[in-house]
Amino acid sequence: MTSTESSTYEGFTPEERAAMKEHAQEQKKAARRSSPAVKAAEAERDVLAKIAEMEGSDRSMAERVHAIVKANAPVLAPKLWYGMPAYALDGKVVCFFQSAAKFKARYATLGFNDPAKLDEGSMWATAFALTEVTAEVEARIATLVKQAVS
């Protein structure tokens, strides 16, 4: 970049900074928990509380996603991840639900991280936009989470 060019980067958005602060708080809280059973129970309570804070369609979709993940991939442990409901295997987040309100987006997102076994050739989707959870969408989510942990 020359001295006459200016950068348009203005740093993290307020929503991104808030998510990072939430993540730091989640890490501290998890470190203070005692036994694995207590950690798991408290982590799920935290996820359910975060879902309960959501409004409207975000909340109803998050509730459905939570139920689908629990029913179809019981090996995944609910936990908060950057203030979002997430589901982990051996401590690594496999999938997560991001509400539309979190980053002022027009749709919620069901996302998958590297541990998810969704590989299909040289390219595959790792995030899906959600505007509602219909029976067809529920079936697709169930298939994805089962594949993610297969």
N, C-alpha and C. Protein backbone atom coordinates (compact mmCIF):
# COMPACT_ATOMS: atom_id res chain seq x y z
N MET A 1 0.85 -1.17 0.00
CA MET A 1 0.00 0.00 0.00
C MET A 1 0.90 1.24 0.00
N THR A 2 0.60 2.20 -0.83
CA THR A 2 1.38 3.43 -0.88
C THR A 2 0.89 4.40 0.18
N SER A 3 1.65 5.43 0.40
CA SER A 3 1.28 6.40 1.43
C SER A 3 0.01 7.17 1.07
N THR A 4 -0.35 7.19 -0.22
CA THR A 4 -1.57 7.91 -0.61
C THR A 4 -2.82 7.03 -0.51
N GLU A 5 -2.63 5.70 -0.43
CA GLU A 5 -3.77 4.81 -0.29
C GLU A 5 -4.17 4.74 1.18
N SER A 6 -5.45 4.59 1.41
CA SER A 6 -5.89 4.44 2.80
C SER A 6 -6.54 3.08 2.97
N SER A 7 -6.45 2.56 4.14
CA SER A 7 -7.05 1.27 4.46
C SER A 7 -8.49 1.47 4.87
N THR A 8 -9.36 0.53 4.48
CA THR A 8 -10.76 0.62 4.88
C THR A 8 -11.05 -0.22 6.11
N TYR A 9 -10.05 -0.93 6.62
CA TYR A 9 -10.26 -1.76 7.80
C TYR A 9 -10.47 -0.88 9.02
N GLU A 10 -11.58 -1.11 9.71
CA GLU A 10 -11.90 -0.30 10.88
C GLU A 10 -11.95 -1.12 12.16
N GLY A 11 -11.39 -2.32 12.13
CA GLY A 11 -11.39 -3.15 13.33
C GLY A 11 -12.62 -4.02 13.41
N PHE A 12 -12.79 -4.65 14.54
CA PHE A 12 -13.92 -5.54 14.75
C PHE A 12 -15.20 -4.75 15.00
N THR A 13 -16.31 -5.31 14.57
CA THR A 13 -17.60 -4.68 14.82
C THR A 13 -17.93 -4.82 16.31
N PRO A 14 -18.85 -4.04 16.80
CA PRO A 14 -19.26 -4.20 18.20
C PRO A 14 -19.78 -5.62 18.48
N GLU A 15 -20.49 -6.21 17.50
CA GLU A 15 -21.00 -7.57 17.68
C GLU A 15 -19.87 -8.58 17.76
N GLU A 16 -18.83 -8.40 16.94
CA GLU A 16 -17.67 -9.31 16.98
C GLU A 16 -16.92 -9.17 18.31
N ARG A 17 -16.75 -7.94 18.78
CA ARG A 17 -16.08 -7.74 20.08
C ARG A 17 -16.89 -8.38 21.21
N ALA A 18 -18.21 -8.25 21.15
CA ALA A 18 -19.07 -8.85 22.17
C ALA A 18 -18.94 -10.37 22.14
N ALA A 19 -18.88 -10.96 20.96
CA ALA A 19 -18.73 -12.41 20.84
C ALA A 19 -17.40 -12.87 21.43
N MET A 20 -16.34 -12.11 21.20
CA MET A 20 -15.03 -12.47 21.76
C MET A 20 -15.05 -12.38 23.28
N LYS A 21 -15.70 -11.37 23.83
CA LYS A 21 -15.82 -11.24 25.28
C LYS A 21 -16.61 -12.40 25.86
N GLU A 22 -17.71 -12.78 25.17
CA GLU A 22 -18.49 -13.92 25.62
C GLU A 22 -17.65 -15.19 25.64
N HIS A 23 -16.82 -15.36 24.61
CA HIS A 23 -15.98 -16.56 24.54
C HIS A 23 -15.00 -16.60 25.71
N ALA A 24 -14.40 -15.48 26.04
CA ALA A 24 -13.47 -15.43 27.17
C ALA A 24 -14.19 -15.78 28.48
N GLN A 25 -15.40 -15.26 28.66
CA GLN A 25 -16.18 -15.57 29.86
C GLN A 25 -16.54 -17.05 29.90
N GLU A 26 -16.90 -17.62 28.74
CA GLU A 26 -17.23 -19.05 28.68
C GLU A 26 -16.04 -19.90 29.08
N GLN A 27 -14.85 -19.53 28.61
CA GLN A 27 -13.64 -20.29 28.93
C GLN A 27 -13.35 -20.23 30.44
N LYS A 28 -13.48 -19.06 31.03
CA LYS A 28 -13.24 -18.91 32.46
C LYS A 28 -14.24 -19.73 33.28
N LYS A 29 -15.52 -19.65 32.88
CA LYS A 29 -16.56 -20.38 33.59
C LYS A 29 -16.33 -21.88 33.49
N ALA A 30 -15.97 -22.38 32.32
CA ALA A 30 -15.72 -23.81 32.13
C ALA A 30 -14.53 -24.27 32.97
N ALA A 31 -13.52 -23.45 33.09
CA ALA A 31 -12.33 -23.82 33.86
C ALA A 31 -12.64 -23.94 35.35
N ARG A 32 -13.65 -23.21 35.84
CA ARG A 32 -13.99 -23.25 37.27
C ARG A 32 -14.87 -24.44 37.63
N ARG A 33 -15.46 -25.11 36.66
CA ARG A 33 -16.35 -26.23 36.95
C ARG A 33 -15.55 -27.44 37.40
N SER A 34 -16.16 -28.24 38.27
CA SER A 34 -15.43 -29.35 38.89
C SER A 34 -15.43 -30.62 38.03
N SER A 35 -16.35 -31.52 38.27
CA SER A 35 -16.33 -32.82 37.61
C SER A 35 -16.87 -32.75 36.17
N PRO A 36 -16.50 -33.74 35.35
CA PRO A 36 -17.02 -33.77 33.98
C PRO A 36 -18.55 -33.80 33.92
N ALA A 37 -19.19 -34.53 34.82
CA ALA A 37 -20.66 -34.60 34.82
C ALA A 37 -21.26 -33.24 35.14
N VAL A 38 -20.68 -32.54 36.11
CA VAL A 38 -21.16 -31.20 36.47
C VAL A 38 -20.92 -30.25 35.31
N LYS A 39 -19.75 -30.35 34.69
CA LYS A 39 -19.44 -29.50 33.54
C LYS A 39 -20.46 -29.69 32.43
N ALA A 40 -20.78 -30.94 32.13
CA ALA A 40 -21.72 -31.23 31.04
C ALA A 40 -23.12 -30.70 31.35
N ALA A 41 -23.58 -30.92 32.58
CA ALA A 41 -24.92 -30.45 32.96
C ALA A 41 -24.99 -28.93 32.95
N GLU A 42 -23.98 -28.27 33.47
CA GLU A 42 -23.97 -26.80 33.49
C GLU A 42 -23.82 -26.24 32.09
N ALA A 43 -23.04 -26.89 31.24
CA ALA A 43 -22.87 -26.41 29.87
C ALA A 43 -24.20 -26.49 29.12
N GLU A 44 -24.95 -27.57 29.31
CA GLU A 44 -26.24 -27.67 28.64
C GLU A 44 -27.21 -26.62 29.19
N ARG A 45 -27.18 -26.38 30.50
CA ARG A 45 -28.04 -25.33 31.06
C ARG A 45 -27.70 -23.97 30.46
N ASP A 46 -26.40 -23.73 30.28
CA ASP A 46 -25.97 -22.46 29.66
C ASP A 46 -26.50 -22.33 28.24
N VAL A 47 -26.46 -23.42 27.47
CA VAL A 47 -26.96 -23.41 26.10
C VAL A 47 -28.46 -23.14 26.10
N LEU A 48 -29.19 -23.83 26.96
CA LEU A 48 -30.64 -23.63 27.02
C LEU A 48 -30.99 -22.22 27.46
N ALA A 49 -30.20 -21.66 28.37
CA ALA A 49 -30.44 -20.28 28.81
C ALA A 49 -30.17 -19.30 27.67
N LYS A 50 -29.12 -19.54 26.89
CA LYS A 50 -28.80 -18.68 25.75
C LYS A 50 -29.91 -18.75 24.70
N ILE A 51 -30.44 -19.95 24.46
CA ILE A 51 -31.54 -20.11 23.52
C ILE A 51 -32.78 -19.36 24.03
N ALA A 52 -33.04 -19.46 25.33
CA ALA A 52 -34.20 -18.79 25.92
C ALA A 52 -34.11 -17.27 25.79
N GLU A 53 -32.89 -16.72 25.72
CA GLU A 53 -32.69 -15.27 25.55
C GLU A 53 -33.03 -14.80 24.14
N MET A 54 -33.00 -15.72 23.18
CA MET A 54 -33.26 -15.35 21.79
C MET A 54 -34.73 -14.98 21.62
N GLU A 55 -35.01 -14.26 20.56
CA GLU A 55 -36.38 -13.83 20.31
C GLU A 55 -36.92 -14.46 19.03
N GLY A 56 -38.24 -14.62 19.00
CA GLY A 56 -38.96 -15.01 17.80
C GLY A 56 -38.46 -16.25 17.11
N SER A 57 -38.27 -16.12 15.80
CA SER A 57 -37.88 -17.28 15.00
C SER A 57 -36.49 -17.79 15.35
N ASP A 58 -35.58 -16.91 15.79
CA ASP A 58 -34.26 -17.37 16.21
C ASP A 58 -34.40 -18.40 17.33
N ARG A 59 -35.23 -18.07 18.32
CA ARG A 59 -35.41 -18.98 19.46
C ARG A 59 -36.05 -20.29 19.01
N SER A 60 -37.10 -20.22 18.23
CA SER A 60 -37.77 -21.46 17.83
C SER A 60 -36.85 -22.33 16.97
N MET A 61 -36.07 -21.71 16.09
CA MET A 61 -35.13 -22.51 15.28
C MET A 61 -34.03 -23.10 16.15
N ALA A 62 -33.50 -22.32 17.09
CA ALA A 62 -32.45 -22.83 17.97
C ALA A 62 -32.96 -23.99 18.83
N GLU A 63 -34.20 -23.88 19.30
CA GLU A 63 -34.80 -24.98 20.08
C GLU A 63 -34.90 -26.25 19.25
N ARG A 64 -35.32 -26.11 18.00
CA ARG A 64 -35.45 -27.27 17.11
C ARG A 64 -34.08 -27.86 16.79
N VAL A 65 -33.11 -27.00 16.48
CA VAL A 65 -31.76 -27.48 16.18
C VAL A 65 -31.20 -28.23 17.38
N HIS A 66 -31.38 -27.68 18.58
CA HIS A 66 -30.90 -28.34 19.79
C HIS A 66 -31.52 -29.73 19.93
N ALA A 67 -32.81 -29.82 19.77
CA ALA A 67 -33.50 -31.11 19.90
C ALA A 67 -33.04 -32.10 18.83
N ILE A 68 -32.85 -31.63 17.61
CA ILE A 68 -32.42 -32.50 16.52
C ILE A 68 -31.01 -33.02 16.78
N VAL A 69 -30.11 -32.15 17.20
CA VAL A 69 -28.74 -32.57 17.48
C VAL A 69 -28.72 -33.58 18.62
N LYS A 70 -29.44 -33.28 19.70
CA LYS A 70 -29.47 -34.19 20.85
C LYS A 70 -30.01 -35.57 20.45
N ALA A 71 -31.04 -35.62 19.60
CA ALA A 71 -31.67 -36.88 19.20
C ALA A 71 -30.83 -37.66 18.19
N ASN A 72 -30.12 -36.97 17.32
CA ASN A 72 -29.45 -37.63 16.21
C ASN A 72 -27.94 -37.76 16.36
N ALA A 73 -27.36 -37.02 17.28
CA ALA A 73 -25.92 -37.11 17.54
C ALA A 73 -25.68 -36.96 19.04
N PRO A 74 -26.16 -37.92 19.83
CA PRO A 74 -26.05 -37.81 21.28
C PRO A 74 -24.61 -37.77 21.80
N VAL A 75 -23.64 -38.11 20.96
CA VAL A 75 -22.23 -38.02 21.38
C VAL A 75 -21.75 -36.58 21.43
N LEU A 76 -22.51 -35.66 20.82
CA LEU A 76 -22.12 -34.26 20.84
C LEU A 76 -22.58 -33.61 22.15
N ALA A 77 -21.68 -32.89 22.77
CA ALA A 77 -21.96 -32.23 24.05
C ALA A 77 -22.30 -30.76 23.81
N PRO A 78 -23.47 -30.32 24.28
CA PRO A 78 -23.82 -28.90 24.14
C PRO A 78 -22.85 -28.02 24.94
N LYS A 79 -22.53 -26.87 24.38
CA LYS A 79 -21.69 -25.89 25.07
C LYS A 79 -21.87 -24.55 24.38
N LEU A 80 -21.52 -23.49 25.06
CA LEU A 80 -21.53 -22.18 24.42
C LEU A 80 -20.20 -21.96 23.72
N TRP A 81 -20.26 -21.33 22.58
CA TRP A 81 -19.07 -21.04 21.79
C TRP A 81 -19.25 -19.65 21.21
N TYR A 82 -18.48 -18.68 21.67
CA TYR A 82 -18.62 -17.29 21.27
C TYR A 82 -20.06 -16.80 21.46
N GLY A 83 -20.68 -17.29 22.54
CA GLY A 83 -22.03 -16.87 22.87
C GLY A 83 -23.11 -17.54 22.04
N MET A 84 -22.74 -18.60 21.31
CA MET A 84 -23.71 -19.31 20.47
C MET A 84 -23.86 -20.74 20.96
N PRO A 85 -25.06 -21.31 20.82
CA PRO A 85 -25.22 -22.74 21.12
C PRO A 85 -24.35 -23.55 20.16
N ALA A 86 -23.57 -24.46 20.72
CA ALA A 86 -22.66 -25.27 19.91
C ALA A 86 -22.66 -26.69 20.47
N TYR A 87 -22.10 -27.60 19.68
CA TYR A 87 -22.12 -29.01 20.03
C TYR A 87 -20.74 -29.57 19.72
N ALA A 88 -20.10 -30.15 20.74
CA ALA A 88 -18.70 -30.53 20.63
C ALA A 88 -18.49 -32.03 20.82
N LEU A 89 -17.44 -32.51 20.23
CA LEU A 89 -16.99 -33.88 20.39
C LEU A 89 -15.55 -33.82 20.89
N ASP A 90 -15.30 -34.42 22.04
CA ASP A 90 -13.97 -34.37 22.66
C ASP A 90 -13.46 -32.94 22.80
N GLY A 91 -14.38 -32.03 23.16
CA GLY A 91 -14.01 -30.64 23.41
C GLY A 91 -13.92 -29.77 22.18
N LYS A 92 -14.00 -30.36 20.98
CA LYS A 92 -13.89 -29.58 19.75
C LYS A 92 -15.27 -29.35 19.15
N VAL A 93 -15.59 -28.11 18.85
CA VAL A 93 -16.91 -27.76 18.33
C VAL A 93 -17.07 -28.35 16.93
N VAL A 94 -18.12 -29.16 16.78
CA VAL A 94 -18.45 -29.78 15.51
C VAL A 94 -19.45 -28.92 14.75
N CYS A 95 -20.50 -28.45 15.46
CA CYS A 95 -21.50 -27.61 14.81
C CYS A 95 -22.02 -26.57 15.79
N PHE A 96 -22.66 -25.54 15.23
CA PHE A 96 -23.16 -24.45 16.06
C PHE A 96 -24.35 -23.79 15.38
N PHE A 97 -25.13 -23.09 16.18
CA PHE A 97 -26.26 -22.31 15.69
C PHE A 97 -25.96 -20.84 15.95
N GLN A 98 -26.01 -20.05 14.90
CA GLN A 98 -25.81 -18.61 15.04
C GLN A 98 -27.12 -17.91 14.71
N SER A 99 -27.68 -17.22 15.68
CA SER A 99 -28.94 -16.52 15.45
C SER A 99 -28.74 -15.37 14.47
N ALA A 100 -29.79 -15.02 13.77
CA ALA A 100 -29.73 -13.90 12.83
C ALA A 100 -29.41 -12.60 13.59
N ALA A 101 -29.95 -12.48 14.80
CA ALA A 101 -29.76 -11.25 15.58
C ALA A 101 -28.32 -11.07 16.04
N LYS A 102 -27.58 -12.16 16.20
CA LYS A 102 -26.23 -12.09 16.75
C LYS A 102 -25.35 -11.10 15.99
N PHE A 103 -25.37 -11.19 14.67
CA PHE A 103 -24.56 -10.29 13.86
C PHE A 103 -25.41 -9.47 12.90
N LYS A 104 -26.68 -9.30 13.28
CA LYS A 104 -27.62 -8.49 12.50
C LYS A 104 -27.71 -8.97 11.05
N ALA A 105 -27.82 -10.29 10.90
CA ALA A 105 -27.92 -10.91 9.58
C ALA A 105 -29.38 -11.12 9.21
N ARG A 106 -29.64 -11.42 7.97
CA ARG A 106 -31.02 -11.63 7.56
C ARG A 106 -31.47 -13.07 7.76
N TYR A 107 -30.56 -13.96 8.12
CA TYR A 107 -30.91 -15.35 8.38
C TYR A 107 -30.02 -15.92 9.48
N ALA A 108 -30.51 -16.95 10.15
CA ALA A 108 -29.71 -17.69 11.13
C ALA A 108 -28.80 -18.64 10.35
N THR A 109 -27.81 -19.19 11.04
CA THR A 109 -26.86 -20.08 10.38
C THR A 109 -26.65 -21.34 11.21
N LEU A 110 -26.66 -22.48 10.53
CA LEU A 110 -26.21 -23.73 11.11
C LEU A 110 -24.84 -23.96 10.50
N GLY A 111 -23.81 -23.92 11.33
CA GLY A 111 -22.44 -24.05 10.82
C GLY A 111 -21.74 -25.28 11.34
N PHE A 112 -20.76 -25.73 10.59
CA PHE A 112 -19.96 -26.90 10.95
C PHE A 112 -18.49 -26.52 10.90
N ASN A 113 -17.72 -27.01 11.85
CA ASN A 113 -16.29 -26.76 11.91
C ASN A 113 -15.51 -27.96 11.39
N ASP A 114 -14.18 -27.84 11.38
CA ASP A 114 -13.30 -28.88 10.85
C ASP A 114 -13.55 -30.30 11.34
N PRO A 115 -13.87 -30.51 12.62
CA PRO A 115 -14.09 -31.91 13.06
C PRO A 115 -15.29 -32.59 12.41
N ALA A 116 -16.20 -31.83 11.81
CA ALA A 116 -17.37 -32.41 11.16
C ALA A 116 -16.94 -33.17 9.91
N LYS A 117 -17.42 -34.38 9.79
CA LYS A 117 -17.03 -35.24 8.67
C LYS A 117 -18.04 -35.08 7.53
N LEU A 118 -18.06 -33.90 6.95
CA LEU A 118 -18.99 -33.60 5.87
C LEU A 118 -18.31 -33.63 4.50
N ASP A 119 -17.07 -34.06 4.47
CA ASP A 119 -16.28 -34.05 3.24
C ASP A 119 -17.00 -34.74 2.08
N GLU A 120 -17.04 -34.04 0.96
CA GLU A 120 -17.59 -34.58 -0.28
C GLU A 120 -16.69 -34.12 -1.42
N GLY A 121 -15.70 -34.94 -1.76
CA GLY A 121 -14.78 -34.58 -2.84
C GLY A 121 -13.89 -33.42 -2.46
N SER A 122 -13.73 -32.49 -3.38
CA SER A 122 -12.81 -31.37 -3.18
C SER A 122 -13.48 -30.12 -2.60
N MET A 123 -14.84 -30.14 -2.52
CA MET A 123 -15.54 -28.95 -2.02
C MET A 123 -16.87 -29.36 -1.41
N TRP A 124 -17.20 -28.77 -0.24
CA TRP A 124 -18.47 -29.07 0.41
C TRP A 124 -18.89 -27.88 1.27
N ALA A 125 -20.16 -27.83 1.56
CA ALA A 125 -20.70 -26.73 2.38
C ALA A 125 -20.38 -26.97 3.85
N THR A 126 -20.09 -25.88 4.57
CA THR A 126 -19.87 -25.96 6.01
C THR A 126 -20.81 -25.04 6.79
N ALA A 127 -21.67 -24.32 6.09
CA ALA A 127 -22.64 -23.45 6.76
C ALA A 127 -23.91 -23.40 5.91
N PHE A 128 -25.03 -23.33 6.62
CA PHE A 128 -26.33 -23.34 5.96
C PHE A 128 -27.20 -22.22 6.53
N ALA A 129 -27.79 -21.43 5.66
CA ALA A 129 -28.70 -20.37 6.08
C ALA A 129 -30.03 -21.01 6.49
N LEU A 130 -30.61 -20.50 7.58
CA LEU A 130 -31.90 -20.98 8.05
C LEU A 130 -32.87 -19.82 8.20
N THR A 131 -34.03 -19.97 7.60
CA THR A 131 -35.08 -18.96 7.78
C THR A 131 -36.26 -19.55 8.54
N GLU A 132 -36.39 -20.88 8.48
CA GLU A 132 -37.37 -21.60 9.29
C GLU A 132 -36.97 -23.07 9.30
N VAL A 133 -37.45 -23.79 10.31
CA VAL A 133 -37.14 -25.22 10.41
C VAL A 133 -38.43 -25.99 10.13
N THR A 134 -38.56 -26.40 8.89
CA THR A 134 -39.70 -27.20 8.44
C THR A 134 -39.36 -28.68 8.64
N ALA A 135 -40.29 -29.56 8.36
CA ALA A 135 -40.02 -31.00 8.46
C ALA A 135 -38.88 -31.40 7.52
N GLU A 136 -38.85 -30.83 6.33
CA GLU A 136 -37.78 -31.13 5.37
C GLU A 136 -36.43 -30.64 5.91
N VAL A 137 -36.40 -29.45 6.49
CA VAL A 137 -35.17 -28.90 7.05
C VAL A 137 -34.72 -29.75 8.25
N GLU A 138 -35.65 -30.16 9.09
CA GLU A 138 -35.31 -31.03 10.23
C GLU A 138 -34.62 -32.30 9.74
N ALA A 139 -35.17 -32.92 8.69
CA ALA A 139 -34.58 -34.14 8.16
C ALA A 139 -33.17 -33.88 7.63
N ARG A 140 -32.97 -32.75 6.96
CA ARG A 140 -31.63 -32.41 6.43
C ARG A 140 -30.64 -32.17 7.57
N ILE A 141 -31.08 -31.47 8.61
CA ILE A 141 -30.20 -31.22 9.76
C ILE A 141 -29.84 -32.55 10.42
N ALA A 142 -30.81 -33.43 10.60
CA ALA A 142 -30.55 -34.74 11.21
C ALA A 142 -29.50 -35.50 10.39
N THR A 143 -29.65 -35.50 9.08
CA THR A 143 -28.69 -36.18 8.21
C THR A 143 -27.30 -35.56 8.36
N LEU A 144 -27.22 -34.25 8.37
CA LEU A 144 -25.93 -33.57 8.48
C LEU A 144 -25.23 -33.86 9.80
N VAL A 145 -25.96 -33.78 10.92
CA VAL A 145 -25.30 -34.01 12.21
C VAL A 145 -24.88 -35.48 12.37
N LYS A 146 -25.68 -36.40 11.83
CA LYS A 146 -25.28 -37.81 11.87
C LYS A 146 -24.00 -38.00 11.05
N GLN A 147 -23.95 -37.40 9.86
CA GLN A 147 -22.76 -37.52 9.02
C GLN A 147 -21.56 -36.85 9.70
N ALA A 148 -21.80 -35.73 10.34
CA ALA A 148 -20.71 -34.97 10.97
C ALA A 148 -19.97 -35.78 12.01
N VAL A 149 -20.67 -36.71 12.67
CA VAL A 149 -20.02 -37.49 13.74
C VAL A 149 -19.76 -38.94 13.33
N SER A 150 -20.01 -39.27 12.07
CA SER A 150 -19.83 -40.66 11.62
C SER A 150 -18.37 -41.05 11.51
